[in-house]
């Protein structure tokens, strides 16, 4: 993210080095965590430069270099954002992303938890690629049907990752650059709430580290592919949310895009909007969000990057991980 001190997304490239350094610090912090996280999610805008613009190739190269130090036992999961695909994606920009980072939407399983990664740009503006939007819609319906099928394994929880939040504070808020349009969000909310969950979890916990804005990366050969189908909040405060056990619906949707912490829980579905490692448009510190998933629910907290590097996660989260 260039010129992040001023929140300027268009001018200059002189502060890119600071973004690279912050990413290296995040890698260091995550590598130090015990137990190791099950995976790390990068909620979009892997680089700042839009498709087919100056800086793009160099930023992608710098990103990969910054992430080489990530412990190989920690898979990295990429979510496509508007800077990765363009505000109005085309078949060409989507293919560029897929060639560089892997699939733009896919699903995977971790310890009895079913995870969906979505391309939110196709929800926001697919006017230049309607067939790609239709393909994702068809695929998403199939995935949600799997969660409620009597013949498929039943996940304990379903989690969704997408760049653009459904909403920032309330499901009925007005349309904004930083949220999905009301008609689109309501359609997704309705569909997410219909997934039926009944089976026990296989593992005790799941740690997820995710942020928005600037990237961490996963070599393509390690990418979790849909083809394989593997089996707020106050911006001035550290985020902490608990969810009660539910028998229906997607448990949480994790997003970025806003460069501030936000979100809210409505009808049992938690919309979690995380700030960034890099560019901050509010008062949050550079940071990452730690998510712990147990048989009983999901707990997440946004951590200041320096705090996480110095002391790791708090005692209450460590106890959950040891349960």
C-alpha atoms as a PDB file:
ATOM      1  CA  UNK A   1       0.000   0.000   0.000  1.00  0.00           C
ATOM      2  CA  UNK A   2       1.710   3.154  -1.164  1.00  0.00           C
ATOM      3  CA  UNK A   3       1.552   6.368   0.859  1.00  0.00           C
ATOM      4  CA  UNK A   4      -0.315   4.629   3.659  1.00  0.00           C
ATOM      5  CA  UNK A   5       0.532   7.304   6.224  1.00  0.00           C
ATOM      6  CA  UNK A   6      -1.864   9.620   4.420  1.00  0.00           C
ATOM      7  CA  UNK A   7      -4.354   6.962   3.389  1.00  0.00           C
ATOM      8  CA  UNK A   8      -3.480   7.813  -0.221  1.00  0.00           C
ATOM      9  CA  UNK A   9      -4.162   4.832  -2.442  1.00  0.00           C
ATOM     10  CA  UNK A  10      -3.196   6.511  -5.708  1.00  0.00           C
ATOM     11  CA  UNK A  11       0.019   8.458  -5.335  1.00  0.00           C
ATOM     12  CA  UNK A  12       3.662   7.603  -4.895  1.00  0.00           C
ATOM     13  CA  UNK A  13       5.609   4.446  -4.228  1.00  0.00           C
ATOM     14  CA  UNK A  14       8.094   5.734  -1.694  1.00  0.00           C
ATOM     15  CA  UNK A  15       6.530   4.026   1.332  1.00  0.00           C
ATOM     16  CA  UNK A  16       6.336   0.556  -0.146  1.00  0.00           C
ATOM     17  CA  UNK A  17       9.460  -0.438   1.775  1.00  0.00           C
ATOM     18  CA  UNK A  18       7.612   0.192   5.045  1.00  0.00           C
ATOM     19  CA  UNK A  19       4.858  -2.185   3.966  1.00  0.00           C
ATOM     20  CA  UNK A  20       7.409  -4.863   3.154  1.00  0.00           C
ATOM     21  CA  UNK A  21       9.037  -4.445   6.564  1.00  0.00           C
ATOM     22  CA  UNK A  22       5.690  -4.677   8.364  1.00  0.00           C
ATOM     23  CA  UNK A  23       4.934  -7.885   6.493  1.00  0.00           C
ATOM     24  CA  UNK A  24       8.240  -9.371   7.591  1.00  0.00           C
ATOM     25  CA  UNK A  25       7.403  -8.423  11.184  1.00  0.00           C
ATOM     26  CA  UNK A  26       4.040 -10.157  10.862  1.00  0.00           C
ATOM     27  CA  UNK A  27       5.724 -13.300   9.578  1.00  0.00           C
ATOM     28  CA  UNK A  28       8.113 -13.215  12.524  1.00  0.00           C
ATOM     29  CA  UNK A  29       5.250 -12.810  15.002  1.00  0.00           C
ATOM     30  CA  UNK A  30       3.234 -15.667  13.538  1.00  0.00           C
ATOM     31  CA  UNK A  31       6.243 -17.976  13.415  1.00  0.00           C
ATOM     32  CA  UNK A  32       6.763 -17.459  17.155  1.00  0.00           C
ATOM     33  CA  UNK A  33       3.240 -18.477  18.147  1.00  0.00           C
ATOM     34  CA  UNK A  34       2.718 -21.714  20.037  1.00  0.00           C
ATOM     35  CA  UNK A  35       0.910 -23.803  19.181  1.00  0.00           C
ATOM     36  CA  UNK A  36       1.410 -23.154  15.488  1.00  0.00           C
ATOM     37  CA  UNK A  37      -1.629 -21.706  13.736  1.00  0.00           C
ATOM     38  CA  UNK A  38      -3.497 -24.149  11.537  1.00  0.00           C
ATOM     39  CA  UNK A  39      -3.430 -21.613   8.708  1.00  0.00           C
ATOM     40  CA  UNK A  40      -3.223 -17.892   7.965  1.00  0.00           C
ATOM     41  CA  UNK A  41      -5.776 -16.061   5.814  1.00  0.00           C
ATOM     42  CA  UNK A  42      -4.946 -12.934   3.828  1.00  0.00           C
ATOM     43  CA  UNK A  43      -8.225 -11.130   3.235  1.00  0.00           C
ATOM     44  CA  UNK A  44      -7.462  -9.452  -0.048  1.00  0.00           C
ATOM     45  CA  UNK A  45      -5.459  -6.664  -1.662  1.00  0.00           C
ATOM     46  CA  UNK A  46      -2.333  -8.761  -1.740  1.00  0.00           C
ATOM     47  CA  UNK A  47      -0.604  -5.848  -3.454  1.00  0.00           C
ATOM     48  CA  UNK A  48      -1.612  -2.226  -3.885  1.00  0.00           C
ATOM     49  CA  UNK A  49      -0.978  -1.785  -7.609  1.00  0.00           C
ATOM     50  CA  UNK A  50      -4.052  -2.480  -9.718  1.00  0.00           C
ATOM     51  CA  UNK A  51      -3.814  -4.942 -12.631  1.00  0.00           C
ATOM     52  CA  UNK A  52      -1.766  -3.718 -15.600  1.00  0.00           C
ATOM     53  CA  UNK A  53      -0.348  -0.707 -13.742  1.00  0.00           C
ATOM     54  CA  UNK A  54       3.182   0.336 -12.755  1.00  0.00           C
ATOM     55  CA  UNK A  55       4.582  -1.214  -9.562  1.00  0.00           C
ATOM     56  CA  UNK A  56       2.469  -4.381  -9.961  1.00  0.00           C
ATOM     57  CA  UNK A  57       5.194  -6.824 -10.958  1.00  0.00           C
ATOM     58  CA  UNK A  58       7.683  -5.434  -8.469  1.00  0.00           C
ATOM     59  CA  UNK A  59       5.188  -5.511  -5.606  1.00  0.00           C
ATOM     60  CA  UNK A  60       4.284  -9.118  -6.271  1.00  0.00           C
ATOM     61  CA  UNK A  61       7.975 -10.001  -6.339  1.00  0.00           C
ATOM     62  CA  UNK A  62       8.600  -8.143  -3.066  1.00  0.00           C
ATOM     63  CA  UNK A  63       5.631  -9.850  -1.459  1.00  0.00           C
ATOM     64  CA  UNK A  64       6.852 -13.312  -2.266  1.00  0.00           C
ATOM     65  CA  UNK A  65      10.291 -12.447  -0.966  1.00  0.00           C
ATOM     66  CA  UNK A  66       8.871 -11.074   2.302  1.00  0.00           C
ATOM     67  CA  UNK A  67       6.947 -14.279   2.889  1.00  0.00           C
ATOM     68  CA  UNK A  68       9.711 -16.741   2.254  1.00  0.00           C
ATOM     69  CA  UNK A  69      10.388 -16.792   5.975  1.00  0.00           C
ATOM     70  CA  UNK A  70       6.929 -18.091   6.883  1.00  0.00           C
ATOM     71  CA  UNK A  71       7.185 -21.400   8.687  1.00  0.00           C
ATOM     72  CA  UNK A  72       6.379 -24.104   6.112  1.00  0.00           C
ATOM     73  CA  UNK A  73       4.011 -25.790   8.579  1.00  0.00           C
ATOM     74  CA  UNK A  74       1.641 -22.793   8.352  1.00  0.00           C
ATOM     75  CA  UNK A  75      -0.401 -22.800   5.131  1.00  0.00           C
ATOM     76  CA  UNK A  76      -1.285 -19.375   3.758  1.00  0.00           C
ATOM     77  CA  UNK A  77      -4.693 -18.846   2.186  1.00  0.00           C
ATOM     78  CA  UNK A  78      -5.222 -16.018  -0.309  1.00  0.00           C
ATOM     79  CA  UNK A  79      -8.432 -14.038  -0.748  1.00  0.00           C
ATOM     80  CA  UNK A  80      -8.747 -11.814  -3.823  1.00  0.00           C
ATOM     81  CA  UNK A  81      -9.441  -8.095  -3.336  1.00  0.00           C
ATOM     82  CA  UNK A  82     -10.281  -5.127  -5.512  1.00  0.00           C
ATOM     83  CA  UNK A  83      -6.618  -4.152  -5.911  1.00  0.00           C
ATOM     84  CA  UNK A  84      -5.856  -7.690  -7.037  1.00  0.00           C
ATOM     85  CA  UNK A  85      -8.645  -7.922  -9.624  1.00  0.00           C
ATOM     86  CA  UNK A  86      -9.645  -4.309 -10.293  1.00  0.00           C
ATOM     87  CA  UNK A  87     -12.778  -2.594  -9.015  1.00  0.00           C
ATOM     88  CA  UNK A  88     -14.544  -3.963 -12.082  1.00  0.00           C
ATOM     89  CA  UNK A  89     -12.826  -7.290 -12.748  1.00  0.00           C
ATOM     90  CA  UNK A  90     -12.539  -8.712 -16.246  1.00  0.00           C
ATOM     91  CA  UNK A  91     -11.824 -12.252 -17.434  1.00  0.00           C
ATOM     92  CA  UNK A  92      -8.271 -11.071 -18.064  1.00  0.00           C
ATOM     93  CA  UNK A  93      -7.628  -9.667 -14.582  1.00  0.00           C
ATOM     94  CA  UNK A  94      -9.169 -12.725 -12.929  1.00  0.00           C
ATOM     95  CA  UNK A  95      -6.925 -14.980 -14.983  1.00  0.00           C
ATOM     96  CA  UNK A  96      -3.883 -12.876 -14.043  1.00  0.00           C
ATOM     97  CA  UNK A  97      -4.755 -13.330 -10.383  1.00  0.00           C
ATOM     98  CA  UNK A  98      -5.270 -17.067 -10.767  1.00  0.00           C
ATOM     99  CA  UNK A  99      -1.931 -17.430 -12.522  1.00  0.00           C
ATOM    100  CA  UNK A 100      -0.124 -15.529  -9.763  1.00  0.00           C
ATOM    101  CA  UNK A 101      -1.938 -16.632  -6.588  1.00  0.00           C
ATOM    102  CA  UNK A 102      -4.294 -19.511  -7.335  1.00  0.00           C
ATOM    103  CA  UNK A 103      -8.071 -19.843  -7.436  1.00  0.00           C
ATOM    104  CA  UNK A 104     -10.203 -16.807  -6.671  1.00  0.00           C
ATOM    105  CA  UNK A 105     -12.815 -18.941  -4.880  1.00  0.00           C
ATOM    106  CA  UNK A 106     -12.528 -22.365  -3.278  1.00  0.00           C
ATOM    107  CA  UNK A 107     -13.377 -24.405  -0.179  1.00  0.00           C
ATOM    108  CA  UNK A 108     -11.404 -26.508   2.284  1.00  0.00           C
ATOM    109  CA  UNK A 109     -11.770 -28.449   5.531  1.00  0.00           C
ATOM    110  CA  UNK A 110      -9.745 -28.074   8.734  1.00  0.00           C
ATOM    111  CA  UNK A 111     -10.545 -30.255  11.744  1.00  0.00           C
ATOM    112  CA  UNK A 112     -14.260 -30.539  11.049  1.00  0.00           C
ATOM    113  CA  UNK A 113     -14.590 -26.861  10.071  1.00  0.00           C
ATOM    114  CA  UNK A 114     -15.728 -26.071   6.512  1.00  0.00           C
ATOM    115  CA  UNK A 115     -14.189 -22.908   5.060  1.00  0.00           C
ATOM    116  CA  UNK A 116     -15.353 -20.983   2.008  1.00  0.00           C
ATOM    117  CA  UNK A 117     -13.170 -18.415   0.249  1.00  0.00           C
ATOM    118  CA  UNK A 118     -15.164 -16.119  -2.031  1.00  0.00           C
ATOM    119  CA  UNK A 119     -14.393 -13.570  -4.741  1.00  0.00           C
ATOM    120  CA  UNK A 120     -16.362 -10.579  -3.438  1.00  0.00           C
ATOM    121  CA  UNK A 121     -15.573  -8.447  -6.506  1.00  0.00           C
ATOM    122  CA  UNK A 122     -17.951 -10.675  -8.443  1.00  0.00           C
ATOM    123  CA  UNK A 123     -20.668  -9.677  -5.962  1.00  0.00           C
ATOM    124  CA  UNK A 124     -19.717  -5.985  -6.105  1.00  0.00           C
ATOM    125  CA  UNK A 125     -19.412  -5.385  -9.863  1.00  0.00           C
ATOM    126  CA  UNK A 126     -19.306  -8.236 -12.368  1.00  0.00           C
ATOM    127  CA  UNK A 127     -20.532  -6.131 -15.271  1.00  0.00           C
ATOM    128  CA  UNK A 128     -17.423  -6.984 -17.302  1.00  0.00           C
ATOM    129  CA  UNK A 129     -17.458 -10.718 -16.486  1.00  0.00           C
ATOM    130  CA  UNK A 130     -21.062 -11.919 -15.930  1.00  0.00           C
ATOM    131  CA  UNK A 131     -20.207 -15.521 -16.780  1.00  0.00           C
ATOM    132  CA  UNK A 132     -17.602 -15.644 -14.008  1.00  0.00           C
ATOM    133  CA  UNK A 133     -20.175 -14.312 -11.556  1.00  0.00           C
ATOM    134  CA  UNK A 134     -22.673 -16.963 -12.615  1.00  0.00           C
ATOM    135  CA  UNK A 135     -20.040 -19.686 -12.224  1.00  0.00           C
ATOM    136  CA  UNK A 136     -19.226 -18.622  -8.665  1.00  0.00           C
ATOM    137  CA  UNK A 137     -22.927 -18.387  -7.783  1.00  0.00           C
ATOM    138  CA  UNK A 138     -23.545 -21.918  -9.026  1.00  0.00           C
ATOM    139  CA  UNK A 139     -20.489 -23.214  -7.159  1.00  0.00           C
ATOM    140  CA  UNK A 140     -21.449 -21.403  -3.931  1.00  0.00           C
ATOM    141  CA  UNK A 141     -24.927 -22.895  -3.982  1.00  0.00           C
ATOM    142  CA  UNK A 142     -23.397 -26.346  -4.367  1.00  0.00           C
ATOM    143  CA  UNK A 143     -21.040 -25.744  -1.434  1.00  0.00           C
ATOM    144  CA  UNK A 144     -23.788 -24.487   0.868  1.00  0.00           C
ATOM    145  CA  UNK A 145     -25.936 -27.455  -0.116  1.00  0.00           C
ATOM    146  CA  UNK A 146     -23.120 -29.769   0.916  1.00  0.00           C
ATOM    147  CA  UNK A 147     -23.245 -28.309   4.418  1.00  0.00           C
ATOM    148  CA  UNK A 148     -26.900 -29.279   4.747  1.00  0.00           C
ATOM    149  CA  UNK A 149     -26.855 -32.541   2.796  1.00  0.00           C
ATOM    150  CA  UNK A 150     -27.810 -35.758   4.587  1.00  0.00           C
ATOM    151  CA  UNK A 151     -25.259 -37.674   2.510  1.00  0.00           C
ATOM    152  CA  UNK A 152     -22.222 -35.385   3.036  1.00  0.00           C
ATOM    153  CA  UNK A 153     -20.017 -35.023   6.137  1.00  0.00           C
ATOM    154  CA  UNK A 154     -21.519 -32.415   8.454  1.00  0.00           C
ATOM    155  CA  UNK A 155     -19.192 -29.570   9.484  1.00  0.00           C
ATOM    156  CA  UNK A 156     -19.231 -28.330  13.042  1.00  0.00           C
ATOM    157  CA  UNK A 157     -18.832 -24.740  11.860  1.00  0.00           C
ATOM    158  CA  UNK A 158     -18.833 -22.978   8.498  1.00  0.00           C
ATOM    159  CA  UNK A 159     -16.559 -19.946   8.069  1.00  0.00           C
ATOM    160  CA  UNK A 160     -16.492 -17.563   5.105  1.00  0.00           C
ATOM    161  CA  UNK A 161     -13.585 -15.385   3.950  1.00  0.00           C
ATOM    162  CA  UNK A 162     -14.069 -12.550   1.467  1.00  0.00           C
ATOM    163  CA  UNK A 163     -12.458  -9.172   0.904  1.00  0.00           C
ATOM    164  CA  UNK A 164     -15.455  -6.812   0.900  1.00  0.00           C
ATOM    165  CA  UNK A 165     -17.588  -6.999   4.073  1.00  0.00           C
ATOM    166  CA  UNK A 166     -21.286  -7.734   3.875  1.00  0.00           C
ATOM    167  CA  UNK A 167     -21.691  -4.693   6.128  1.00  0.00           C
ATOM    168  CA  UNK A 168     -19.617  -2.525   8.454  1.00  0.00           C
ATOM    169  CA  UNK A 169     -21.968  -2.143  11.425  1.00  0.00           C
ATOM    170  CA  UNK A 170     -25.494  -3.250  10.562  1.00  0.00           C
ATOM    171  CA  UNK A 171     -27.130  -5.417   7.865  1.00  0.00           C
ATOM    172  CA  UNK A 172     -29.544  -2.589   6.991  1.00  0.00           C
ATOM    173  CA  UNK A 173     -26.919   0.157   6.582  1.00  0.00           C
ATOM    174  CA  UNK A 174     -26.729   2.196   3.388  1.00  0.00           C
ATOM    175  CA  UNK A 175     -24.600   1.142   0.426  1.00  0.00           C
ATOM    176  CA  UNK A 176     -20.994   2.271   0.640  1.00  0.00           C
ATOM    177  CA  UNK A 177     -17.689   1.747  -1.142  1.00  0.00           C
ATOM    178  CA  UNK A 178     -16.625  -0.431   1.802  1.00  0.00           C
ATOM    179  CA  UNK A 179     -19.639  -2.776   1.928  1.00  0.00           C
ATOM    180  CA  UNK A 180     -21.707  -4.863  -0.465  1.00  0.00           C
ATOM    181  CA  UNK A 181     -24.927  -3.451  -1.869  1.00  0.00           C
ATOM    182  CA  UNK A 182     -27.995  -4.059   0.321  1.00  0.00           C
ATOM    183  CA  UNK A 183     -29.736  -6.398  -2.120  1.00  0.00           C
ATOM    184  CA  UNK A 184     -26.565  -8.446  -2.592  1.00  0.00           C
ATOM    185  CA  UNK A 185     -25.753  -8.608   1.126  1.00  0.00           C
ATOM    186  CA  UNK A 186     -29.274  -9.658   2.095  1.00  0.00           C
ATOM    187  CA  UNK A 187     -29.213 -12.415  -0.484  1.00  0.00           C
ATOM    188  CA  UNK A 188     -25.923 -13.706   0.901  1.00  0.00           C
ATOM    189  CA  UNK A 189     -27.060 -13.388   4.506  1.00  0.00           C
ATOM    190  CA  UNK A 190     -30.165 -15.429   3.751  1.00  0.00           C
ATOM    191  CA  UNK A 191     -28.141 -18.136   2.031  1.00  0.00           C
ATOM    192  CA  UNK A 192     -25.479 -18.257   4.744  1.00  0.00           C
ATOM    193  CA  UNK A 193     -28.088 -18.718   7.467  1.00  0.00           C
ATOM    194  CA  UNK A 194     -29.566 -21.794   5.778  1.00  0.00           C
ATOM    195  CA  UNK A 195     -26.498 -24.039   6.084  1.00  0.00           C
ATOM    196  CA  UNK A 196     -27.331 -26.752   8.652  1.00  0.00           C
ATOM    197  CA  UNK A 197     -24.631 -28.057  10.981  1.00  0.00           C
ATOM    198  CA  UNK A 198     -24.878 -31.076  13.252  1.00  0.00           C
ATOM    199  CA  UNK A 199     -21.699 -33.152  13.562  1.00  0.00           C
ATOM    200  CA  UNK A 200     -18.946 -33.073  16.198  1.00  0.00           C
ATOM    201  CA  UNK A 201     -15.651 -31.315  15.539  1.00  0.00           C
ATOM    202  CA  UNK A 202     -12.585 -33.496  14.879  1.00  0.00           C
ATOM    203  CA  UNK A 203      -9.923 -31.268  16.442  1.00  0.00           C
ATOM    204  CA  UNK A 204     -10.000 -29.142  19.562  1.00  0.00           C
ATOM    205  CA  UNK A 205      -9.061 -25.818  18.044  1.00  0.00           C
ATOM    206  CA  UNK A 206      -8.142 -23.878  14.993  1.00  0.00           C
ATOM    207  CA  UNK A 207      -6.020 -20.741  14.907  1.00  0.00           C
ATOM    208  CA  UNK A 208      -6.504 -18.322  12.047  1.00  0.00           C
ATOM    209  CA  UNK A 209      -4.463 -15.217  11.412  1.00  0.00           C
ATOM    210  CA  UNK A 210      -5.913 -12.762   8.965  1.00  0.00           C
ATOM    211  CA  UNK A 211      -5.715  -9.147   7.925  1.00  0.00           C
ATOM    212  CA  UNK A 212      -6.575  -6.888   5.065  1.00  0.00           C
ATOM    213  CA  UNK A 213      -4.710  -4.322   3.080  1.00  0.00           C
ATOM    214  CA  UNK A 214      -1.271  -5.730   2.341  1.00  0.00           C
ATOM    215  CA  UNK A 215      -0.347  -9.317   1.671  1.00  0.00           C
ATOM    216  CA  UNK A 216       1.212 -12.365   2.985  1.00  0.00           C
ATOM    217  CA  UNK A 217       1.574 -15.107   0.421  1.00  0.00           C
ATOM    218  CA  UNK A 218       1.270 -18.760  -0.385  1.00  0.00           C
ATOM    219  CA  UNK A 219       3.350 -20.445  -3.105  1.00  0.00           C
ATOM    220  CA  UNK A 220       0.944 -21.725  -5.732  1.00  0.00           C
ATOM    221  CA  UNK A 221       1.922 -25.355  -5.169  1.00  0.00           C
ATOM    222  CA  UNK A 222       0.586 -25.080  -1.591  1.00  0.00           C
ATOM    223  CA  UNK A 223      -2.599 -23.255  -2.545  1.00  0.00           C
ATOM    224  CA  UNK A 224      -5.829 -24.730  -1.217  1.00  0.00           C
ATOM    225  CA  UNK A 225      -7.738 -25.281  -4.447  1.00  0.00           C
ATOM    226  CA  UNK A 226     -11.446 -25.581  -5.077  1.00  0.00           C
ATOM    227  CA  UNK A 227     -10.562 -28.299  -7.549  1.00  0.00           C
ATOM    228  CA  UNK A 228      -9.227 -30.437  -4.711  1.00  0.00           C
ATOM    229  CA  UNK A 229     -12.098 -29.658  -2.327  1.00  0.00           C
ATOM    230  CA  UNK A 230      -9.973 -30.476   0.683  1.00  0.00           C
ATOM    231  CA  UNK A 231     -11.157 -32.598   3.369  1.00  0.00           C
ATOM    232  CA  UNK A 232     -16.154  -4.428  15.804  1.00  0.00           C
ATOM    233  CA  UNK A 233     -16.088  -3.445  17.236  1.00  0.00           C
ATOM    234  CA  UNK A 234     -14.502  -0.364  18.205  1.00  0.00           C
ATOM    235  CA  UNK A 235     -11.564   0.632  16.017  1.00  0.00           C
ATOM    236  CA  UNK A 236      -9.792   2.097  19.042  1.00  0.00           C
ATOM    237  CA  UNK A 237      -9.859  -1.137  21.022  1.00  0.00           C
ATOM    238  CA  UNK A 238      -8.538  -4.669  20.750  1.00  0.00           C
ATOM    239  CA  UNK A 239     -11.352  -6.765  19.324  1.00  0.00           C
ATOM    240  CA  UNK A 240     -12.772  -9.691  21.286  1.00  0.00           C
ATOM    241  CA  UNK A 241     -15.822 -11.690  20.281  1.00  0.00           C
ATOM    242  CA  UNK A 242     -17.324 -14.936  21.559  1.00  0.00           C
ATOM    243  CA  UNK A 243     -19.945 -16.928  19.699  1.00  0.00           C
ATOM    244  CA  UNK A 244     -22.336 -19.391  21.235  1.00  0.00           C
ATOM    245  CA  UNK A 245     -22.771 -22.830  19.741  1.00  0.00           C
ATOM    246  CA  UNK A 246     -25.282 -22.797  16.903  1.00  0.00           C
ATOM    247  CA  UNK A 247     -26.885 -25.634  14.989  1.00  0.00           C
ATOM    248  CA  UNK A 248     -27.628 -23.650  11.833  1.00  0.00           C
ATOM    249  CA  UNK A 249     -25.914 -21.317   9.459  1.00  0.00           C
ATOM    250  CA  UNK A 250     -22.507 -19.879   8.683  1.00  0.00           C
ATOM    251  CA  UNK A 251     -20.819 -18.980  11.958  1.00  0.00           C
ATOM    252  CA  UNK A 252     -18.725 -16.001  10.826  1.00  0.00           C
ATOM    253  CA  UNK A 253     -17.708 -14.011   7.759  1.00  0.00           C
ATOM    254  CA  UNK A 254     -14.173 -12.569   7.873  1.00  0.00           C
ATOM    255  CA  UNK A 255     -13.325  -9.591   5.670  1.00  0.00           C
ATOM    256  CA  UNK A 256     -10.853  -6.752   5.173  1.00  0.00           C
ATOM    257  CA  UNK A 257     -11.132  -3.827   2.721  1.00  0.00           C
ATOM    258  CA  UNK A 258     -12.108  -1.197   5.323  1.00  0.00           C
ATOM    259  CA  UNK A 259      -8.606  -0.739   6.806  1.00  0.00           C
ATOM    260  CA  UNK A 260     -10.276  -0.396  10.204  1.00  0.00           C
ATOM    261  CA  UNK A 261     -11.798  -2.843  12.651  1.00  0.00           C
ATOM    262  CA  UNK A 262     -15.573  -3.025  12.402  1.00  0.00           C
ATOM    263  CA  UNK A 263     -18.471  -5.475  12.086  1.00  0.00           C
ATOM    264  CA  UNK A 264     -21.246  -6.864  14.237  1.00  0.00           C
ATOM    265  CA  UNK A 265     -23.147 -10.006  15.166  1.00  0.00           C
ATOM    266  CA  UNK A 266     -26.739 -10.373  13.940  1.00  0.00           C
ATOM    267  CA  UNK A 267     -28.994 -13.444  14.075  1.00  0.00           C
ATOM    268  CA  UNK A 268     -26.068 -15.645  15.080  1.00  0.00           C
ATOM    269  CA  UNK A 269     -23.807 -14.671  12.178  1.00  0.00           C
ATOM    270  CA  UNK A 270     -20.741 -12.601  13.023  1.00  0.00           C
ATOM    271  CA  UNK A 271     -19.464 -10.130  10.421  1.00  0.00           C
ATOM    272  CA  UNK A 272     -15.790  -9.614  11.320  1.00  0.00           C
ATOM    273  CA  UNK A 273     -13.999  -6.725   9.604  1.00  0.00           C
ATOM    274  CA  UNK A 274     -10.267  -6.646  10.337  1.00  0.00           C
ATOM    275  CA  UNK A 275      -7.850  -3.786   9.916  1.00  0.00           C
ATOM    276  CA  UNK A 276      -4.474  -4.147   8.225  1.00  0.00           C
ATOM    277  CA  UNK A 277      -0.840  -4.944   8.727  1.00  0.00           C
ATOM    278  CA  UNK A 278      -0.115  -1.844   6.669  1.00  0.00           C
ATOM    279  CA  UNK A 279      -2.330   1.081   5.673  1.00  0.00           C
ATOM    280  CA  UNK A 280      -4.573   2.304   8.500  1.00  0.00           C
ATOM    281  CA  UNK A 281      -7.501   4.584   7.650  1.00  0.00           C
ATOM    282  CA  UNK A 282      -8.590   4.839  11.294  1.00  0.00           C
ATOM    283  CA  UNK A 283      -6.936   4.662  14.699  1.00  0.00           C
ATOM    284  CA  UNK A 284      -6.081   0.963  14.797  1.00  0.00           C
ATOM    285  CA  UNK A 285      -2.506  -0.230  15.136  1.00  0.00           C
ATOM    286  CA  UNK A 286      -0.813  -2.320  12.461  1.00  0.00           C
ATOM    287  CA  UNK A 287      -1.913  -5.800  13.342  1.00  0.00           C
ATOM    288  CA  UNK A 288      -3.443  -9.202  12.676  1.00  0.00           C
ATOM    289  CA  UNK A 289      -6.508 -10.978  14.008  1.00  0.00           C
ATOM    290  CA  UNK A 290      -6.159 -14.237  15.898  1.00  0.00           C
ATOM    291  CA  UNK A 291      -9.104 -16.617  15.697  1.00  0.00           C
ATOM    292  CA  UNK A 292      -9.571 -19.700  17.862  1.00  0.00           C
ATOM    293  CA  UNK A 293     -12.208 -22.255  16.885  1.00  0.00           C
ATOM    294  CA  UNK A 294     -13.349 -24.865  19.408  1.00  0.00           C
ATOM    295  CA  UNK A 295     -16.223 -27.324  19.468  1.00  0.00           C
ATOM    296  CA  UNK A 296     -18.282 -24.704  21.293  1.00  0.00           C
ATOM    297  CA  UNK A 297     -17.711 -21.689  19.104  1.00  0.00           C
ATOM    298  CA  UNK A 298     -15.366 -19.082  17.653  1.00  0.00           C
ATOM    299  CA  UNK A 299     -13.301 -16.496  19.523  1.00  0.00           C
ATOM    300  CA  UNK A 300     -11.380 -13.766  17.717  1.00  0.00           C
ATOM    301  CA  UNK A 301      -9.219 -10.837  18.762  1.00  0.00           C
ATOM    302  CA  UNK A 302      -7.303  -8.178  16.864  1.00  0.00           C
ATOM    303  CA  UNK A 303      -3.678  -7.925  18.007  1.00  0.00           C
ATOM    304  CA  UNK A 304      -1.294  -5.011  17.708  1.00  0.00           C
ATOM    305  CA  UNK A 305       1.629  -6.312  15.681  1.00  0.00           C
ATOM    306  CA  UNK A 306       4.213  -5.192  18.230  1.00  0.00           C
ATOM    307  CA  UNK A 307       2.198  -6.710  21.067  1.00  0.00           C
ATOM    308  CA  UNK A 308       1.952 -10.029  19.276  1.00  0.00           C
ATOM    309  CA  UNK A 309       5.660 -10.100  18.488  1.00  0.00           C
ATOM    310  CA  UNK A 310       6.606  -9.292  22.069  1.00  0.00           C
ATOM    311  CA  UNK A 311       4.178 -11.408  24.062  1.00  0.00           C
ATOM    312  CA  UNK A 312       2.102 -13.605  21.787  1.00  0.00           C
ATOM    313  CA  UNK A 313      -1.595 -14.146  22.453  1.00  0.00           C
ATOM    314  CA  UNK A 314      -3.184 -13.544  25.850  1.00  0.00           C
ATOM    315  CA  UNK A 315      -3.537 -16.202  28.524  1.00  0.00           C
ATOM    316  CA  UNK A 316      -7.267 -16.741  27.984  1.00  0.00           C
ATOM    317  CA  UNK A 317      -6.730 -17.586  24.318  1.00  0.00           C
ATOM    318  CA  UNK A 318      -3.840 -19.907  25.178  1.00  0.00           C
ATOM    319  CA  UNK A 319      -6.120 -21.757  27.617  1.00  0.00           C
ATOM    320  CA  UNK A 320      -8.687 -22.250  24.882  1.00  0.00           C
ATOM    321  CA  UNK A 321      -5.990 -23.694  22.648  1.00  0.00           C
ATOM    322  CA  UNK A 322      -4.977 -26.129  25.393  1.00  0.00           C
ATOM    323  CA  UNK A 323      -8.505 -27.260  26.205  1.00  0.00           C
END
